[in-house]
Amino acid sequence: MTKEHKFISMRETDLMLLKDLNAKSSRYSIFRVISFVAAILALAAGYDGRAYGYILGLLLLAIFIILVRRHNALKMRQLFINAHVATVSDILTRFSDKWQALADDGSEFFTKERPQDIDLHIFGAASIYQFLCAARTKLGRANLARSLAVVPPKKAKIMARQLAIAELLEHPLLCSELMARFRLLPLNHDASGLSQLISSEKNKNLPLIYRAMFILPLITIISLLLAVFNMVNPVVPSFMLTVQFVLTLVSLANHAKILAPLGALSKELTQYTEIFSQLESVDFNSPTLKDLQKKLRTNKASDRLRALSALTTRAGFLRNMFFFVTGGTLLLWSFRCVRDFYNWCAASQNIAVWLEILAEVEVLLSLSMVGHTRKNYTFPKLSEGAPTITAKNLSSLLISEKNSVANDADFAAGTNIITGSNMSGKTTYMRTLAASAVLAYSGAPVPASEFSLSPLYIFTSIQVNDDLSRGISTFYAELLRIKKMVEFSKNKMPMLILIDEIFKGTNSADRIVGATETIKRLTLPHTIVLVTTHDFELCDLKSPNNLPIANFHFEEYYENDKIKFDYKIKNGRCHTTNAKYLLKMAGIIS
């Protein structure tokens, strides 16, 4: 069974389960109505003097409460299964090109200072981020964006991520279930406010009334009972209730401010608890996942969050006006909730660490998407020493596997001139190579049968645009990019440089002169340079040193008077052009 069919089967199983759960939910609804109506009738019978009425009514009310609790549990199960169906459906879009309709494309992570984001389609519509992203929290999304780097991180970090992702790929059901749990969080969910509140409240001492608050309600309840049996004057419990009501009203604004983060996180805490519980229960082997799990288990994260979730539910009772006036006053409920929240904060100072763990899990789940949806993938090998990047059967992540054409690569220090007809695949080849390096730096697998590279700083000049607001033309914008490449090359740090149709914004004579000088300046022992061009004159360039300047090309062929491409890179220079054919096909020339 293929990976795609496994996920299809997973979704079909969920849909069948949902059908069964929906039927059960309908039955629960009917039984709830019947038990509640029967309880009211039984209590009414007791009121009319029938001895059995109250007993039967209370029994039916107990049954009603049990049915409500079980129905709510079933609804939570339905909610999760629906989220899992949606999650699996999103995963299945990655087997085609439908993933480009996914909502989160990471456009807000674009930076003008990093043109590689646009050149390599790292963020934005139909981007690497959009393909990968399974993150929902603000921190998880930001960390995923940071992981898509053009600067090589430490080898140890990459290797640790690779081992963690490889282990996750062995458990696709676990991954999809965790993704479904995260899906139940609002997009860009931010719990940092809770973490900051806990940090700010940890050293505060509660006033005495909070620590002794159980005494007042206890005295009030005892006085009420005594008043019922005429053992004390009713004025006493009335006075006590008045005092407690005034205390509740006076502290209302302050308590609402303290408990506000809980109200904002009530639904999310349930999902946090379930995620942590699942992570704590699995036996992981990779060092990264074991370390994350150890931090959760040591601090009993799921138990602590379950307790906070229960506290959130209790605090939510105060939003009910009837309870606020009655139970809220009689039991000083808001004081209890604030006291319990302070106690929770004092015992749960690791909340910031837990949120970081959540974000890292989101990143790992996102980076595992390549392995879940590609038959042909590999974890890159990281080499040391001289700059190098090699690949076998490398294809673009942004093109569906069935439609992509795989190519090989074997580049070391030196310059590579790539010529070829329009639309033949030159730019896509360069983008695929550099984008795969970005994936490698993140720790993710790469869509290739083999892939290895040394640490390389990635520089690109591919999708260059003018800037009218700054008075910068396309040609000058490209000059600025190439200037940065030349300046950085003076640091003698390893670079991967990609330049598409070099100096296309100026006339051919100046372009050839400028390109020749640029290539000579960039052909260095620590640089791998790929340059595409339509100027065949550049194919005859001589190396300014002992480093090679090699030629590669893409070409077209014709069938039944129609132009076609095989999108395969070949050695040597191109000897054909197709511009006139394309102009004729567009009806511009006859």
Protein backbone atom coordinates (compact mmCIF):
# COMPACT_ATOMS: atom_id res chain seq x y z
CA MET A 1 0.00 0.00 0.00
CA THR A 2 1.37 3.42 -0.98
CA LYS A 3 1.69 6.28 1.49
CA GLU A 4 -1.19 8.07 -0.18
CA HIS A 5 -3.47 5.05 0.10
CA LYS A 6 -2.56 4.64 3.78
CA PHE A 7 -3.75 8.16 4.52
CA ILE A 8 -6.87 7.63 2.39
CA SER A 9 -7.60 4.48 4.41
CA MET A 10 -7.00 6.43 7.62
CA ARG A 11 -9.55 9.04 6.56
CA GLU A 12 -12.14 6.47 5.53
CA THR A 13 -11.81 4.77 8.93
CA ASP A 14 -12.39 8.12 10.63
CA LEU A 15 -15.45 8.86 8.51
CA MET A 16 -16.98 5.50 9.43
CA LEU A 17 -16.25 6.17 13.11
CA LEU A 18 -17.82 9.63 12.83
CA LYS A 19 -20.98 8.12 11.39
CA ASP A 20 -21.21 5.81 14.41
CA LEU A 21 -20.46 8.64 16.87
CA ASN A 22 -23.10 10.88 15.27
CA ALA A 23 -25.68 8.14 15.74
CA LYS A 24 -24.66 7.72 19.39
CA SER A 25 -24.83 11.48 19.90
CA SER A 26 -28.41 11.53 18.61
CA ARG A 27 -29.36 8.76 21.03
CA TYR A 28 -27.72 10.61 23.92
CA SER A 29 -29.74 13.73 23.04
CA ILE A 30 -32.99 11.74 23.14
CA PHE A 31 -32.14 10.00 26.43
CA ARG A 32 -31.12 13.32 28.00
CA VAL A 33 -34.48 14.89 27.18
CA ILE A 34 -36.38 11.83 28.40
CA SER A 35 -34.45 11.59 31.70
CA PHE A 36 -34.77 15.32 32.39
CA VAL A 37 -38.52 15.44 31.70
CA ALA A 38 -39.03 12.25 33.72
CA ALA A 39 -37.04 13.74 36.63
CA ILE A 40 -39.23 16.88 36.62
CA LEU A 41 -42.40 14.77 36.57
CA ALA A 42 -41.10 12.55 39.39
CA LEU A 43 -40.19 15.56 41.54
CA ALA A 44 -43.62 17.03 40.83
CA ALA A 45 -45.15 13.74 42.00
CA GLY A 46 -43.10 13.98 45.18
CA TYR A 47 -44.36 17.52 45.70
CA ASP A 48 -47.91 16.20 45.37
CA GLY A 49 -47.26 13.85 48.24
CA ARG A 50 -46.20 10.63 46.56
CA ALA A 51 -43.33 9.29 48.67
CA TYR A 52 -41.42 7.73 45.82
CA GLY A 53 -41.38 10.96 43.78
CA TYR A 54 -38.39 12.68 45.33
CA ILE A 55 -36.27 9.53 45.39
CA LEU A 56 -37.09 8.67 41.80
CA GLY A 57 -36.62 12.32 40.74
CA LEU A 58 -33.19 12.54 42.32
CA LEU A 59 -32.21 9.23 40.74
CA LEU A 60 -33.33 10.45 37.31
CA LEU A 61 -31.45 13.72 37.80
CA ALA A 62 -28.32 11.72 38.60
CA ILE A 63 -28.86 9.71 35.41
CA PHE A 64 -29.35 12.97 33.49
CA ILE A 65 -26.05 14.36 34.83
CA ILE A 66 -24.22 11.14 33.89
CA LEU A 67 -25.71 11.30 30.39
CA VAL A 68 -24.64 14.96 30.02
CA ARG A 69 -21.07 14.14 31.06
CA ARG A 70 -20.85 11.16 28.71
CA HIS A 71 -22.44 13.13 25.88
CA ASN A 72 -19.91 15.93 26.38
CA ALA A 73 -17.08 13.39 26.29
CA LEU A 74 -18.52 11.98 23.07
CA LYS A 75 -18.73 15.49 21.59
CA MET A 76 -15.05 16.03 22.41
CA ARG A 77 -14.31 12.76 20.63
CA GLN A 78 -16.33 13.92 17.62
CA LEU A 79 -14.47 17.23 17.61
CA PHE A 80 -11.12 15.45 17.56
CA ILE A 81 -12.12 12.99 14.83
CA ASN A 82 -13.39 15.84 12.65
CA ALA A 83 -10.06 17.62 13.17
CA HIS A 84 -8.21 14.42 12.30
CA VAL A 85 -10.22 14.03 9.08
CA ALA A 86 -9.35 17.61 8.13
CA THR A 87 -5.68 17.05 9.02
CA VAL A 88 -5.41 13.89 6.93
CA SER A 89 -7.19 15.66 4.06
CA ASP A 90 -4.58 18.42 4.21
CA ILE A 91 -1.79 15.84 4.18
CA LEU A 92 -3.36 14.24 1.10
CA THR A 93 -3.25 17.57 -0.75
CA ARG A 94 0.55 17.30 -0.68
CA PHE A 95 0.35 14.31 -3.02
CA SER A 96 -0.99 16.67 -5.71
CA ASP A 97 -0.77 20.43 -6.22
CA LYS A 98 -3.89 21.15 -4.12
CA TRP A 99 -1.73 22.05 -1.11
CA GLN A 100 -1.24 25.47 -2.71
CA ALA A 101 -4.73 26.36 -1.45
CA LEU A 102 -3.76 25.82 2.21
CA ALA A 103 -4.40 28.92 4.30
CA ASP A 104 -1.05 29.44 6.03
CA ASP A 105 1.70 30.44 3.59
CA GLY A 106 3.89 32.35 6.06
CA SER A 107 3.78 35.58 4.06
CA GLU A 108 4.35 37.64 7.21
CA PHE A 109 7.83 36.14 7.54
CA PHE A 110 9.11 37.82 4.37
CA THR A 111 12.00 40.19 5.02
CA LYS A 112 13.39 42.68 2.51
CA GLU A 113 16.86 42.00 3.85
CA ARG A 114 16.61 38.37 2.74
CA PRO A 115 15.78 38.20 -1.00
CA GLN A 116 16.25 34.41 -0.87
CA ASP A 117 12.75 34.22 0.66
CA ILE A 118 11.26 35.28 -2.67
CA ASP A 119 13.90 33.80 -4.96
CA LEU A 120 13.61 30.30 -3.49
CA HIS A 121 9.87 30.51 -2.69
CA ILE A 122 10.55 29.97 1.01
CA PHE A 123 7.48 31.98 2.08
CA GLY A 124 4.32 33.12 0.34
CA ALA A 125 1.94 31.45 -2.09
CA ALA A 126 3.11 28.03 -3.34
CA SER A 127 6.10 28.13 -0.99
CA ILE A 128 8.20 25.69 1.01
CA TYR A 129 6.66 27.00 4.23
CA GLN A 130 3.13 26.49 2.91
CA PHE A 131 3.92 22.91 1.88
CA LEU A 132 5.47 22.02 5.22
CA CYS A 133 3.48 23.94 7.80
CA ALA A 134 1.51 21.96 10.37
CA ALA A 135 2.10 24.55 13.11
CA ARG A 136 -0.74 26.51 14.70
CA THR A 137 0.80 28.40 17.60
CA LYS A 138 2.50 31.75 17.11
CA LEU A 139 5.74 30.41 18.55
CA GLY A 140 5.63 27.20 16.50
CA ARG A 141 5.04 29.08 13.25
CA ALA A 142 7.86 31.53 14.00
CA ASN A 143 10.26 28.71 14.89
CA LEU A 144 9.38 26.87 11.68
CA ALA A 145 10.10 30.05 9.71
CA ARG A 146 13.45 30.44 11.48
CA SER A 147 14.37 26.84 10.70
CA LEU A 148 14.17 27.58 6.96
CA ALA A 149 17.57 29.24 7.00
CA VAL A 150 20.00 30.30 4.28
CA VAL A 151 22.84 30.33 6.81
CA PRO A 152 24.12 26.87 7.78
CA PRO A 153 23.43 25.98 11.45
CA LYS A 154 25.59 23.73 13.60
CA LYS A 155 25.91 20.19 12.26
CA ALA A 156 24.89 18.73 15.63
CA LYS A 157 21.57 20.60 15.53
CA ILE A 158 20.80 19.33 12.03
CA MET A 159 21.67 15.74 12.93
CA ALA A 160 19.55 15.85 16.10
CA ARG A 161 16.55 17.08 14.12
CA GLN A 162 17.09 14.41 11.46
CA LEU A 163 16.99 11.62 14.05
CA ALA A 164 13.82 13.02 15.63
CA ILE A 165 12.06 13.41 12.28
CA ALA A 166 13.14 9.94 11.15
CA GLU A 167 11.53 8.49 14.28
CA LEU A 168 8.32 10.45 13.73
CA LEU A 169 8.12 9.14 10.18
CA GLU A 170 7.88 5.63 11.62
CA HIS A 171 4.64 6.65 13.36
CA PRO A 172 2.37 8.40 10.81
CA LEU A 173 -0.75 7.88 12.96
CA LEU A 174 0.90 9.55 15.95
CA CYS A 175 1.96 12.45 13.75
CA SER A 176 -1.49 12.94 12.26
CA GLU A 177 -3.14 12.74 15.69
CA LEU A 178 -0.77 15.35 17.14
CA MET A 179 -1.38 17.56 14.11
CA ALA A 180 -5.12 17.18 14.69
CA ARG A 181 -4.73 18.24 18.32
CA PHE A 182 -2.78 21.32 17.22
CA ARG A 183 -5.43 21.99 14.57
CA LEU A 184 -8.00 22.49 17.33
CA LEU A 185 -5.99 25.52 18.45
CA PRO A 186 -6.75 28.88 16.77
CA LEU A 187 -4.29 29.76 14.02
CA ASN A 188 -1.40 31.81 15.43
CA HIS A 189 -2.50 31.00 18.96
CA ASP A 190 -0.32 32.82 21.51
CA ALA A 191 -0.06 31.62 25.12
CA SER A 192 2.87 33.85 26.01
CA GLY A 193 0.54 36.05 28.07
CA LEU A 194 -0.08 33.18 30.48
CA SER A 195 3.64 32.53 30.77
CA GLN A 196 4.35 36.20 31.48
CA LEU A 197 1.56 36.35 34.05
CA ILE A 198 2.93 33.33 35.89
CA SER A 199 6.41 34.87 35.93
CA SER A 200 5.04 38.15 37.28
CA GLU A 201 2.88 36.52 39.96
CA LYS A 202 5.33 33.90 41.23
CA ASN A 203 6.91 36.06 43.94
CA LYS A 204 3.74 37.79 45.10
CA ASN A 205 2.32 36.97 48.51
CA LEU A 206 -1.42 36.48 48.75
CA PRO A 207 -3.23 38.67 51.28
CA LEU A 208 -4.33 36.90 54.42
CA ILE A 209 -7.94 36.83 53.34
CA TYR A 210 -7.07 34.52 50.43
CA ARG A 211 -5.30 32.08 52.69
CA ALA A 212 -8.05 32.11 55.31
CA MET A 213 -10.95 32.60 52.89
CA PHE A 214 -12.48 29.19 53.63
CA ILE A 215 -13.29 30.34 57.18
CA LEU A 216 -15.85 32.99 56.18
CA PRO A 217 -17.95 30.71 53.93
CA LEU A 218 -17.76 27.99 56.57
CA ILE A 219 -19.07 30.35 59.29
CA THR A 220 -21.79 31.58 56.93
CA ILE A 221 -22.96 28.07 56.01
CA ILE A 222 -23.00 26.99 59.68
CA SER A 223 -24.97 30.10 60.64
CA LEU A 224 -27.47 29.41 57.85
CA LEU A 225 -28.01 25.87 59.10
CA LEU A 226 -28.40 27.06 62.68
CA ALA A 227 -30.87 29.72 61.54
CA VAL A 228 -32.97 27.08 59.78
CA PHE A 229 -33.34 25.28 63.10
CA ASN A 230 -33.96 28.58 64.94
CA MET A 231 -30.72 28.22 66.89
CA VAL A 232 -29.41 31.67 65.86
CA ASN A 233 -31.02 34.88 64.74
CA PRO A 234 -31.42 35.02 60.89
CA VAL A 235 -29.74 38.41 61.03
CA VAL A 236 -26.37 36.66 61.57
CA PRO A 237 -26.27 34.68 58.27
CA SER A 238 -27.81 37.68 56.49
CA PHE A 239 -25.01 39.90 57.78
CA MET A 240 -22.37 37.31 56.80
CA LEU A 241 -23.81 36.97 53.28
CA THR A 242 -23.87 40.75 52.91
CA VAL A 243 -20.22 40.99 53.93
CA GLN A 244 -19.24 38.25 51.45
CA PHE A 245 -21.29 39.85 48.66
CA VAL A 246 -19.57 43.19 49.25
CA LEU A 247 -16.15 41.47 49.25
CA THR A 248 -17.03 39.74 45.98
CA LEU A 249 -18.13 42.99 44.33
CA VAL A 250 -15.14 45.00 45.58
CA SER A 251 -12.65 42.43 44.29
CA LEU A 252 -14.53 41.76 41.04
CA ALA A 253 -12.36 43.91 38.73
CA ASN A 254 -9.06 42.74 40.21
CA HIS A 255 -10.05 39.07 40.13
CA ALA A 256 -11.34 39.38 36.56
CA LYS A 257 -7.96 40.84 35.53
CA ILE A 258 -6.00 38.03 37.23
CA LEU A 259 -8.19 35.26 35.82
CA ALA A 260 -8.57 36.79 32.32
CA PRO A 261 -5.83 34.63 30.70
CA LEU A 262 -7.65 31.50 31.87
CA GLY A 263 -10.85 32.59 30.18
CA ALA A 264 -8.95 33.18 26.94
CA LEU A 265 -7.30 29.74 27.10
CA SER A 266 -10.14 27.55 28.36
CA LYS A 267 -10.53 25.48 25.18
CA GLU A 268 -6.84 25.52 24.31
CA LEU A 269 -5.77 24.10 27.68
CA THR A 270 -7.71 20.92 26.95
CA GLN A 271 -5.72 20.42 23.76
CA TYR A 272 -2.43 21.24 25.49
CA THR A 273 -3.23 18.62 28.09
CA GLU A 274 -4.01 15.99 25.47
CA ILE A 275 -0.86 16.79 23.47
CA PHE A 276 1.39 16.59 26.52
CA SER A 277 -0.32 13.41 27.71
CA GLN A 278 0.26 11.77 24.33
CA LEU A 279 3.89 12.89 24.19
CA GLU A 280 4.50 11.61 27.71
CA SER A 281 3.02 8.18 26.94
CA VAL A 282 5.04 7.29 23.82
CA ASP A 283 8.40 5.53 24.12
CA PHE A 284 10.80 7.60 22.02
CA ASN A 285 14.34 6.63 21.05
CA SER A 286 15.85 9.70 19.38
CA PRO A 287 17.80 11.99 21.75
CA THR A 288 15.78 15.11 20.90
CA LEU A 289 12.37 13.52 21.47
CA LYS A 290 13.58 11.73 24.60
CA ASP A 291 14.89 15.01 26.00
CA LEU A 292 11.62 16.82 25.27
CA GLN A 293 9.68 13.96 26.81
CA LYS A 294 11.89 13.91 29.91
CA LYS A 295 11.20 17.60 30.55
CA LEU A 296 7.47 16.95 30.33
CA ARG A 297 7.50 13.81 32.49
CA THR A 298 9.77 15.30 35.16
CA ASN A 299 7.54 18.31 35.62
CA LYS A 300 4.28 16.31 35.16
CA ALA A 301 3.21 18.76 32.47
CA SER A 302 -0.02 17.00 31.51
CA ASP A 303 -1.16 16.70 35.15
CA ARG A 304 -0.34 20.33 35.85
CA LEU A 305 -2.21 21.51 32.77
CA ARG A 306 -5.13 19.21 33.57
CA ALA A 307 -5.34 20.90 36.96
CA LEU A 308 -5.21 24.33 35.31
CA SER A 309 -7.92 23.25 32.85
CA ALA A 310 -10.14 22.20 35.77
CA LEU A 311 -9.45 25.55 37.45
CA THR A 312 -10.41 27.31 34.24
CA THR A 313 -13.72 25.45 34.23
CA ARG A 314 -14.37 26.47 37.83
CA ALA A 315 -13.50 30.10 37.09
CA GLY A 316 -15.89 29.96 34.15
CA PHE A 317 -18.81 29.41 36.55
CA LEU A 318 -18.47 33.06 37.56
CA ARG A 319 -19.67 34.14 34.12
CA ASN A 320 -23.08 32.73 35.04
CA MET A 321 -24.96 35.56 36.77
CA PHE A 322 -27.08 33.21 38.89
CA PHE A 323 -24.02 31.36 40.16
CA PHE A 324 -22.12 34.61 40.70
CA VAL A 325 -24.85 35.97 42.99
CA THR A 326 -25.49 32.69 44.84
CA GLY A 327 -22.53 30.30 44.83
CA GLY A 328 -20.07 33.08 44.07
CA THR A 329 -21.14 34.94 47.20
CA LEU A 330 -21.77 32.01 49.52
CA LEU A 331 -18.48 30.26 48.74
CA LEU A 332 -16.37 33.33 47.87
CA TRP A 333 -15.75 31.48 44.62
CA SER A 334 -13.59 34.12 42.91
CA PHE A 335 -11.30 34.22 45.97
CA ARG A 336 -10.96 30.43 45.77
CA CYS A 337 -10.12 30.58 42.07
CA VAL A 338 -7.52 33.31 42.52
CA ARG A 339 -5.95 31.45 45.46
CA ASP A 340 -5.81 28.19 43.47
CA PHE A 341 -4.36 30.04 40.46
CA TYR A 342 -1.59 31.60 42.57
CA ASN A 343 -0.82 28.19 44.04
CA TRP A 344 -0.75 26.69 40.54
CA CYS A 345 1.62 29.41 39.35
CA ALA A 346 3.96 28.78 42.27
CA ALA A 347 4.13 25.08 41.41
CA SER A 348 4.30 25.49 37.61
CA GLN A 349 7.19 27.76 36.78
CA ASN A 350 8.09 25.60 33.77
CA ILE A 351 5.21 26.82 31.61
CA ALA A 352 7.60 28.74 29.30
CA VAL A 353 9.63 25.55 28.80
CA TRP A 354 6.46 23.59 28.02
CA LEU A 355 5.41 26.15 25.42
CA GLU A 356 8.87 25.89 23.80
CA ILE A 357 8.45 22.11 23.70
CA LEU A 358 5.07 22.50 22.02
CA ALA A 359 6.62 24.78 19.41
CA GLU A 360 9.51 22.38 18.74
CA VAL A 361 7.08 19.48 18.30
CA GLU A 362 5.16 21.59 15.78
CA VAL A 363 8.38 22.26 13.88
CA LEU A 364 9.33 18.57 13.83
CA LEU A 365 5.84 17.56 12.66
CA SER A 366 6.01 20.16 9.88
CA LEU A 367 9.47 19.12 8.73
CA SER A 368 8.35 15.48 8.62
CA MET A 369 5.80 16.36 5.91
CA VAL A 370 8.33 15.65 3.15
CA GLY A 371 8.83 12.07 4.33
CA HIS A 372 5.09 11.50 4.85
CA THR A 373 4.19 12.53 1.30
CA ARG A 374 7.17 11.57 -0.86
CA LYS A 375 8.22 8.11 -1.98
CA ASN A 376 11.62 9.42 -3.04
CA TYR A 377 13.31 11.17 -0.12
CA THR A 378 16.52 11.03 1.85
CA PHE A 379 18.12 12.67 4.87
CA PRO A 380 21.05 14.78 3.62
CA LYS A 381 24.60 13.86 4.52
CA LEU A 382 26.64 16.72 5.92
CA SER A 383 30.23 16.86 4.73
CA GLU A 384 33.17 18.89 5.95
CA GLY A 385 36.02 20.63 4.17
CA ALA A 386 35.92 22.14 0.68
CA PRO A 387 32.54 23.43 -0.60
CA THR A 388 30.48 20.77 -2.30
CA ILE A 389 26.87 19.92 -3.07
CA THR A 390 25.79 16.68 -4.74
CA ALA A 391 22.45 15.04 -5.44
CA LYS A 392 20.89 12.13 -7.28
CA ASN A 393 17.30 12.13 -8.52
CA LEU A 394 16.65 15.51 -6.92
CA SER A 395 13.20 16.96 -7.59
CA SER A 396 11.37 20.11 -6.55
CA LEU A 397 9.29 19.91 -3.38
CA LEU A 398 6.89 22.44 -4.90
CA ILE A 399 5.93 20.21 -7.84
CA SER A 400 3.94 17.03 -7.25
CA GLU A 401 6.10 13.92 -7.34
CA LYS A 402 4.26 12.45 -10.33
CA ASN A 403 4.80 15.65 -12.37
CA SER A 404 8.34 16.55 -11.30
CA VAL A 405 11.44 15.67 -13.28
CA ALA A 406 14.42 14.57 -11.21
CA ASN A 407 17.97 15.75 -11.91
CA ASP A 408 21.43 15.10 -10.55
CA ALA A 409 23.96 17.60 -9.26
CA ASP A 410 27.68 17.42 -8.52
CA PHE A 411 29.24 20.79 -7.85
CA ALA A 412 32.44 21.85 -6.11
CA ALA A 413 34.27 25.15 -5.94
CA GLY A 414 34.12 26.92 -9.30
CA THR A 415 31.60 28.47 -11.68
CA ASN A 416 28.95 26.74 -13.76
CA ILE A 417 27.41 28.50 -16.74
CA ILE A 418 23.93 27.13 -17.55
CA THR A 419 22.44 27.94 -20.93
CA GLY A 420 19.25 26.76 -22.55
CA SER A 421 16.03 27.69 -24.23
CA ASN A 422 13.26 29.66 -22.55
CA MET A 423 11.06 27.54 -20.24
CA SER A 424 13.53 24.64 -20.43
CA GLY A 425 14.07 24.40 -16.65
CA LYS A 426 17.21 26.42 -15.87
CA THR A 427 15.74 28.56 -13.10
CA THR A 428 13.75 25.70 -11.58
CA TYR A 429 16.91 23.62 -11.40
CA MET A 430 18.78 26.32 -9.50
CA ARG A 431 15.85 26.97 -7.17
CA THR A 432 15.44 23.26 -6.46
CA LEU A 433 19.12 22.87 -5.59
CA ALA A 434 19.21 25.84 -3.21
CA ALA A 435 15.77 25.11 -1.71
CA SER A 436 16.94 21.58 -0.94
CA ALA A 437 19.92 23.05 0.89
CA VAL A 438 17.45 25.11 2.96
CA LEU A 439 15.52 21.92 3.76
CA ALA A 440 18.78 20.21 4.69
CA TYR A 441 19.67 23.00 7.12
CA SER A 442 16.28 22.63 8.82
CA GLY A 443 16.88 18.92 9.44
CA ALA A 444 14.11 17.84 7.08
CA PRO A 445 14.46 15.13 4.47
CA VAL A 446 15.00 16.19 0.85
CA PRO A 447 13.12 14.84 -2.21
CA ALA A 448 16.08 12.95 -3.68
CA SER A 449 17.58 9.48 -3.55
CA GLU A 450 20.92 10.96 -2.39
CA PHE A 451 21.86 14.43 -1.20
CA SER A 452 24.93 15.77 0.51
CA LEU A 453 26.46 19.17 1.05
CA SER A 454 29.02 21.06 3.05
CA PRO A 455 28.00 24.14 5.05
CA LEU A 456 27.27 26.86 2.48
CA TYR A 457 25.95 30.41 2.85
CA ILE A 458 23.24 30.75 0.21
CA PHE A 459 23.10 33.90 -1.95
CA THR A 460 20.64 34.40 -4.82
CA SER A 461 19.77 36.86 -7.54
CA ILE A 462 16.78 35.31 -9.30
CA GLN A 463 13.53 37.24 -8.90
CA VAL A 464 14.83 40.80 -9.00
CA ASN A 465 12.35 43.71 -9.13
CA ASP A 466 12.63 47.46 -9.31
CA ASP A 467 11.66 49.72 -6.39
CA LEU A 468 9.96 52.91 -7.55
CA SER A 469 9.71 54.30 -4.02
CA ARG A 470 13.50 54.24 -3.71
CA GLY A 471 14.24 55.06 -7.36
CA ILE A 472 15.94 51.71 -7.95
CA SER A 473 15.72 50.08 -11.39
CA THR A 474 15.78 46.33 -11.96
CA PHE A 475 19.36 46.52 -13.20
CA TYR A 476 20.53 48.50 -10.18
CA ALA A 477 18.65 46.19 -7.81
CA GLU A 478 20.58 43.28 -9.31
CA LEU A 479 23.84 45.20 -8.97
CA LEU A 480 23.14 45.67 -5.25
CA ARG A 481 22.55 41.96 -4.81
CA ILE A 482 25.73 40.99 -6.60
CA LYS A 483 27.66 43.63 -4.66
CA LYS A 484 26.61 41.85 -1.44
CA MET A 485 27.88 38.57 -2.88
CA VAL A 486 31.23 40.09 -3.77
CA GLU A 487 31.57 41.77 -0.37
CA PHE A 488 30.67 38.60 1.54
CA SER A 489 33.08 36.53 -0.54
CA LYS A 490 35.94 38.54 0.98
CA ASN A 491 35.23 36.74 4.28
CA LYS A 492 36.39 33.53 2.60
CA MET A 493 33.41 31.63 4.00
CA PRO A 494 31.83 28.88 1.84
CA MET A 495 29.08 30.17 -0.43
CA LEU A 496 26.46 28.82 -2.83
CA ILE A 497 25.74 31.61 -5.33
CA LEU A 498 22.85 31.47 -7.80
CA ILE A 499 22.40 34.18 -10.46
CA ASP A 500 19.56 33.86 -12.96
CA GLU A 501 19.98 35.52 -16.38
CA ILE A 502 22.77 37.73 -15.15
CA PHE A 503 22.34 41.47 -15.81
CA LYS A 504 19.23 40.94 -17.91
CA GLY A 505 18.22 44.55 -17.22
CA THR A 506 20.81 46.15 -19.53
CA ASN A 507 21.99 45.94 -23.15
CA SER A 508 23.83 42.88 -24.41
CA ALA A 509 27.24 44.55 -24.79
CA ASP A 510 27.30 45.92 -21.23
CA ARG A 511 25.75 42.72 -19.93
CA ILE A 512 28.54 40.54 -21.30
CA VAL A 513 31.25 42.86 -19.94
CA GLY A 514 29.59 43.08 -16.52
CA ALA A 515 28.88 39.35 -16.36
CA THR A 516 32.45 38.48 -17.32
CA GLU A 517 33.93 40.63 -14.58
CA THR A 518 31.40 39.43 -12.00
CA ILE A 519 32.08 35.77 -12.72
CA LYS A 520 35.82 36.33 -12.45
CA ARG A 521 35.36 38.06 -9.08
CA LEU A 522 33.14 35.29 -7.72
CA THR A 523 35.09 32.28 -8.99
CA LEU A 524 36.93 31.52 -5.77
CA PRO A 525 38.13 28.44 -3.82
CA HIS A 526 35.28 28.84 -1.32
CA THR A 527 32.37 29.52 -3.73
CA ILE A 528 30.08 27.37 -5.85
CA VAL A 529 28.57 29.62 -8.50
CA LEU A 530 25.67 28.80 -10.84
CA VAL A 531 24.82 31.39 -13.51
CA THR A 532 22.11 31.08 -16.14
CA THR A 533 22.36 33.15 -19.30
CA HIS A 534 21.24 33.45 -22.91
CA ASP A 535 24.57 34.99 -23.85
CA PHE A 536 26.61 32.21 -25.44
CA GLU A 537 29.70 34.41 -25.24
CA LEU A 538 29.90 33.61 -21.53
CA CYS A 539 30.37 29.94 -22.35
CA ASP A 540 33.88 30.72 -23.54
CA LEU A 541 35.07 32.35 -20.34
CA LYS A 542 38.46 31.35 -19.05
CA SER A 543 39.06 30.82 -15.37
CA PRO A 544 40.99 33.57 -13.60
CA ASN A 545 42.61 30.89 -11.45
CA ASN A 546 42.87 27.12 -11.47
CA LEU A 547 39.18 26.67 -10.59
CA PRO A 548 36.94 25.29 -13.33
CA ILE A 549 34.35 27.24 -15.28
CA ALA A 550 32.08 24.50 -16.60
CA ASN A 551 29.14 24.56 -19.02
CA PHE A 552 25.75 22.88 -18.66
CA HIS A 553 22.55 23.27 -20.60
CA PHE A 554 18.88 22.45 -20.99
CA GLU A 555 17.28 22.01 -24.39
CA GLU A 556 13.99 21.63 -26.21
CA TYR A 557 12.82 19.22 -28.87
CA TYR A 558 9.92 19.22 -31.32
CA GLU A 559 7.13 16.72 -31.98
CA ASN A 560 4.43 17.34 -34.58
CA ASP A 561 5.57 20.95 -34.85
CA LYS A 562 5.12 21.42 -31.11
CA ILE A 563 7.87 22.46 -28.73
CA LYS A 564 8.59 20.13 -25.81
CA PHE A 565 11.12 19.92 -22.98
CA ASP A 566 12.63 17.06 -21.02
CA TYR A 567 13.83 19.39 -18.20
CA LYS A 568 17.07 17.38 -17.80
CA ILE A 569 20.40 19.10 -17.26
CA LYS A 570 23.14 18.07 -19.67
CA ASN A 571 26.86 18.69 -19.94
CA GLY A 572 28.21 21.31 -22.29
CA ARG A 573 26.77 24.47 -23.81
CA CYS A 574 23.41 24.90 -25.52
CA HIS A 575 23.35 25.27 -29.31
CA THR A 576 19.65 25.98 -29.86
CA THR A 577 17.20 28.82 -29.20
CA ASN A 578 13.40 28.93 -29.21
CA ALA A 579 12.49 32.59 -28.79
CA LYS A 580 11.32 32.98 -32.40
CA TYR A 581 9.18 29.87 -32.11
CA LEU A 582 7.54 31.15 -28.90
CA LEU A 583 6.93 34.60 -30.45
CA LYS A 584 5.27 32.91 -33.40
CA MET A 585 3.22 30.66 -31.13
CA ALA A 586 2.04 33.77 -29.22
CA GLY A 587 1.00 35.39 -32.52
CA ILE A 588 3.48 38.25 -32.19
CA ILE A 589 5.34 37.36 -35.40
CA SER A 590 4.13 35.39 -38.40
